[in-house]
Amino acid sequence: MPFTRTTFIRILKIGSAVLIILVIIAYALWRSLAYARGPHINIIEPVDGASISASTTVIRGNVERANNITLNGRTVTIDELGNFSEIIIVFPGINIITLDAKDQFERMVETQLRLFRK
């Protein structure tokens, strides 16, 4: 079979269609990997193990891929970007603060923050 202009155009069309399908599949896989990883909690401040001198402090952070978050069992409000900010009381000694996040598939992640007050 000789390599003609028609054969070249046919190969080009089939190759383009395969390439487009592969790009769509790769994009769909890349976007769904975020859901497969589950929720993630990122605490911005204070850092774990921080020494606090005041009786209250603000816990700031953000969550990814989570529908709700709790701080020591109490629901925390999050904005549309996943940011949260809560004021907590810090008792003298070591304080362990637990943050739980749950996604739409009921997967849960827990992060603990240890604070020390003099």
C-alpha atoms as a PDB file:
ATOM      1  CA  MET A   1       0.000   0.000   0.000  1.00  0.00           C
ATOM      2  CA  PRO A   2       1.631   3.258  -1.092  1.00  0.00           C
ATOM      3  CA  PHE A   3       1.784   6.189   1.298  1.00  0.00           C
ATOM      4  CA  THR A   4      -0.522   8.733  -0.335  1.00  0.00           C
ATOM      5  CA  ARG A   5      -1.959  12.050   0.686  1.00  0.00           C
ATOM      6  CA  THR A   6      -5.270  10.385   1.640  1.00  0.00           C
ATOM      7  CA  THR A   7      -3.476   7.854   3.867  1.00  0.00           C
ATOM      8  CA  PHE A   8      -1.542  10.654   5.547  1.00  0.00           C
ATOM      9  CA  ILE A   9      -4.746  12.633   6.245  1.00  0.00           C
ATOM     10  CA  ARG A  10      -6.464   9.515   7.628  1.00  0.00           C
ATOM     11  CA  ILE A  11      -3.516   8.808   9.975  1.00  0.00           C
ATOM     12  CA  LEU A  12      -3.469  12.457  11.049  1.00  0.00           C
ATOM     13  CA  LYS A  13      -7.213  12.422  11.871  1.00  0.00           C
ATOM     14  CA  ILE A  14      -6.983   9.157  13.838  1.00  0.00           C
ATOM     15  CA  GLY A  15      -3.864  10.354  15.670  1.00  0.00           C
ATOM     16  CA  SER A  16      -5.529  13.661  16.570  1.00  0.00           C
ATOM     17  CA  ALA A  17      -8.645  11.896  17.872  1.00  0.00           C
ATOM     18  CA  VAL A  18      -6.543   9.516  20.002  1.00  0.00           C
ATOM     19  CA  LEU A  19      -4.516  12.432  21.365  1.00  0.00           C
ATOM     20  CA  ILE A  20      -7.663  14.381  22.305  1.00  0.00           C
ATOM     21  CA  ILE A  21      -9.150  11.321  24.040  1.00  0.00           C
ATOM     22  CA  LEU A  22      -5.920  10.753  25.981  1.00  0.00           C
ATOM     23  CA  VAL A  23      -5.833  14.399  27.103  1.00  0.00           C
ATOM     24  CA  ILE A  24      -9.457  14.196  28.307  1.00  0.00           C
ATOM     25  CA  ILE A  25      -8.765  10.971  30.224  1.00  0.00           C
ATOM     26  CA  ALA A  26      -5.593  12.411  31.797  1.00  0.00           C
ATOM     27  CA  TYR A  27      -7.416  15.569  32.872  1.00  0.00           C
ATOM     28  CA  ALA A  28     -10.293  13.565  34.391  1.00  0.00           C
ATOM     29  CA  LEU A  29      -7.841  11.399  36.347  1.00  0.00           C
ATOM     30  CA  TRP A  30      -5.901  14.436  37.555  1.00  0.00           C
ATOM     31  CA  ARG A  31      -9.080  16.173  38.776  1.00  0.00           C
ATOM     32  CA  SER A  32     -10.413  13.066  40.550  1.00  0.00           C
ATOM     33  CA  LEU A  33      -7.153  12.425  42.433  1.00  0.00           C
ATOM     34  CA  ALA A  34      -7.993  15.330  44.739  1.00  0.00           C
ATOM     35  CA  TYR A  35     -11.156  13.537  45.846  1.00  0.00           C
ATOM     36  CA  ALA A  36      -9.303  10.259  46.257  1.00  0.00           C
ATOM     37  CA  ARG A  37      -6.828  11.835  48.702  1.00  0.00           C
ATOM     38  CA  GLY A  38      -9.529  12.822  51.196  1.00  0.00           C
ATOM     39  CA  PRO A  39      -9.645  15.881  53.473  1.00  0.00           C
ATOM     40  CA  HIS A  40      -6.564  17.796  54.636  1.00  0.00           C
ATOM     41  CA  ILE A  41      -6.166  20.231  57.568  1.00  0.00           C
ATOM     42  CA  ASN A  42      -3.505  22.948  57.480  1.00  0.00           C
ATOM     43  CA  ILE A  43      -3.018  24.947  60.710  1.00  0.00           C
ATOM     44  CA  ILE A  44      -1.495  28.356  60.010  1.00  0.00           C
ATOM     45  CA  GLU A  45      -1.217  29.628  63.583  1.00  0.00           C
ATOM     46  CA  PRO A  46      -0.220  28.879  66.290  1.00  0.00           C
ATOM     47  CA  VAL A  47       2.459  26.312  65.523  1.00  0.00           C
ATOM     48  CA  ASP A  48       2.416  22.935  67.245  1.00  0.00           C
ATOM     49  CA  GLY A  49       4.229  23.120  70.599  1.00  0.00           C
ATOM     50  CA  ALA A  50       3.896  26.908  70.900  1.00  0.00           C
ATOM     51  CA  SER A  51       4.101  28.596  74.278  1.00  0.00           C
ATOM     52  CA  ILE A  52       1.156  30.918  74.883  1.00  0.00           C
ATOM     53  CA  SER A  53       1.235  33.646  77.523  1.00  0.00           C
ATOM     54  CA  ALA A  54      -2.379  34.867  77.193  1.00  0.00           C
ATOM     55  CA  SER A  55      -5.472  33.008  78.387  1.00  0.00           C
ATOM     56  CA  THR A  56      -6.940  32.941  74.868  1.00  0.00           C
ATOM     57  CA  THR A  57      -5.510  32.439  71.414  1.00  0.00           C
ATOM     58  CA  VAL A  58      -6.787  32.335  67.866  1.00  0.00           C
ATOM     59  CA  ILE A  59      -6.447  29.158  65.837  1.00  0.00           C
ATOM     60  CA  ARG A  60      -6.306  29.899  62.112  1.00  0.00           C
ATOM     61  CA  GLY A  61      -6.006  27.512  59.237  1.00  0.00           C
ATOM     62  CA  ASN A  62      -7.675  26.044  56.226  1.00  0.00           C
ATOM     63  CA  VAL A  63      -9.098  22.737  55.114  1.00  0.00           C
ATOM     64  CA  GLU A  64      -9.151  21.174  51.683  1.00  0.00           C
ATOM     65  CA  ARG A  65     -11.781  18.782  50.379  1.00  0.00           C
ATOM     66  CA  ALA A  66     -13.801  18.881  53.620  1.00  0.00           C
ATOM     67  CA  ASN A  67     -17.486  19.531  54.245  1.00  0.00           C
ATOM     68  CA  ASN A  68     -17.205  20.176  57.965  1.00  0.00           C
ATOM     69  CA  ILE A  69     -14.566  20.582  60.626  1.00  0.00           C
ATOM     70  CA  THR A  70     -14.746  20.283  64.400  1.00  0.00           C
ATOM     71  CA  LEU A  71     -12.459  21.690  67.069  1.00  0.00           C
ATOM     72  CA  ASN A  72     -12.555  19.551  70.218  1.00  0.00           C
ATOM     73  CA  GLY A  73     -15.946  18.211  69.109  1.00  0.00           C
ATOM     74  CA  ARG A  74     -17.477  21.625  68.385  1.00  0.00           C
ATOM     75  CA  THR A  75     -18.358  22.559  64.798  1.00  0.00           C
ATOM     76  CA  VAL A  76     -16.246  25.314  63.254  1.00  0.00           C
ATOM     77  CA  THR A  77     -17.490  27.489  60.407  1.00  0.00           C
ATOM     78  CA  ILE A  78     -15.415  27.608  57.253  1.00  0.00           C
ATOM     79  CA  ASP A  79     -15.648  30.050  54.376  1.00  0.00           C
ATOM     80  CA  GLU A  80     -15.939  29.156  50.691  1.00  0.00           C
ATOM     81  CA  LEU A  81     -12.145  28.884  50.402  1.00  0.00           C
ATOM     82  CA  GLY A  82     -11.907  26.514  53.381  1.00  0.00           C
ATOM     83  CA  ASN A  83     -10.428  29.047  55.828  1.00  0.00           C
ATOM     84  CA  PHE A  84     -11.351  28.974  59.500  1.00  0.00           C
ATOM     85  CA  SER A  85     -10.568  31.063  62.581  1.00  0.00           C
ATOM     86  CA  GLU A  86     -11.577  30.213  66.156  1.00  0.00           C
ATOM     87  CA  ILE A  87     -10.767  31.760  69.528  1.00  0.00           C
ATOM     88  CA  ILE A  88     -10.051  29.201  72.231  1.00  0.00           C
ATOM     89  CA  ILE A  89      -9.234  29.357  75.933  1.00  0.00           C
ATOM     90  CA  VAL A  90      -5.759  28.124  76.836  1.00  0.00           C
ATOM     91  CA  PHE A  91      -5.508  26.669  80.332  1.00  0.00           C
ATOM     92  CA  PRO A  92      -2.236  26.627  82.334  1.00  0.00           C
ATOM     93  CA  GLY A  93      -0.049  23.666  81.380  1.00  0.00           C
ATOM     94  CA  ILE A  94      -0.297  21.550  78.257  1.00  0.00           C
ATOM     95  CA  ASN A  95      -3.409  21.904  76.084  1.00  0.00           C
ATOM     96  CA  ILE A  96      -4.169  19.379  73.345  1.00  0.00           C
ATOM     97  CA  ILE A  97      -6.516  20.725  70.683  1.00  0.00           C
ATOM     98  CA  THR A  98      -8.031  18.205  68.264  1.00  0.00           C
ATOM     99  CA  LEU A  99      -9.283  19.208  64.816  1.00  0.00           C
ATOM    100  CA  ASP A 100     -11.348  16.701  62.816  1.00  0.00           C
ATOM    101  CA  ALA A 101     -12.347  17.190  59.175  1.00  0.00           C
ATOM    102  CA  LYS A 102     -14.812  15.047  57.236  1.00  0.00           C
ATOM    103  CA  ASP A 103     -15.450  15.003  53.496  1.00  0.00           C
ATOM    104  CA  GLN A 104     -18.540  14.144  51.465  1.00  0.00           C
ATOM    105  CA  PHE A 105     -17.582  10.448  51.406  1.00  0.00           C
ATOM    106  CA  GLU A 106     -17.400  10.319  55.250  1.00  0.00           C
ATOM    107  CA  ARG A 107     -13.608  10.034  55.210  1.00  0.00           C
ATOM    108  CA  MET A 108     -12.105  11.721  58.238  1.00  0.00           C
ATOM    109  CA  VAL A 109      -8.717  13.151  59.166  1.00  0.00           C
ATOM    110  CA  GLU A 110      -7.620  14.248  62.633  1.00  0.00           C
ATOM    111  CA  THR A 111      -4.893  16.727  63.563  1.00  0.00           C
ATOM    112  CA  GLN A 112      -3.732  17.500  67.074  1.00  0.00           C
ATOM    113  CA  LEU A 113      -2.179  20.763  68.187  1.00  0.00           C
ATOM    114  CA  ARG A 114      -0.265  20.942  71.462  1.00  0.00           C
ATOM    115  CA  LEU A 115      -0.069  24.335  73.179  1.00  0.00           C
ATOM    116  CA  PHE A 116       1.649  25.223  76.424  1.00  0.00           C
ATOM    117  CA  ARG A 117       0.617  28.070  78.696  1.00  0.00           C
ATOM    118  CA  LYS A 118       2.961  29.308  81.405  1.00  0.00           C
END
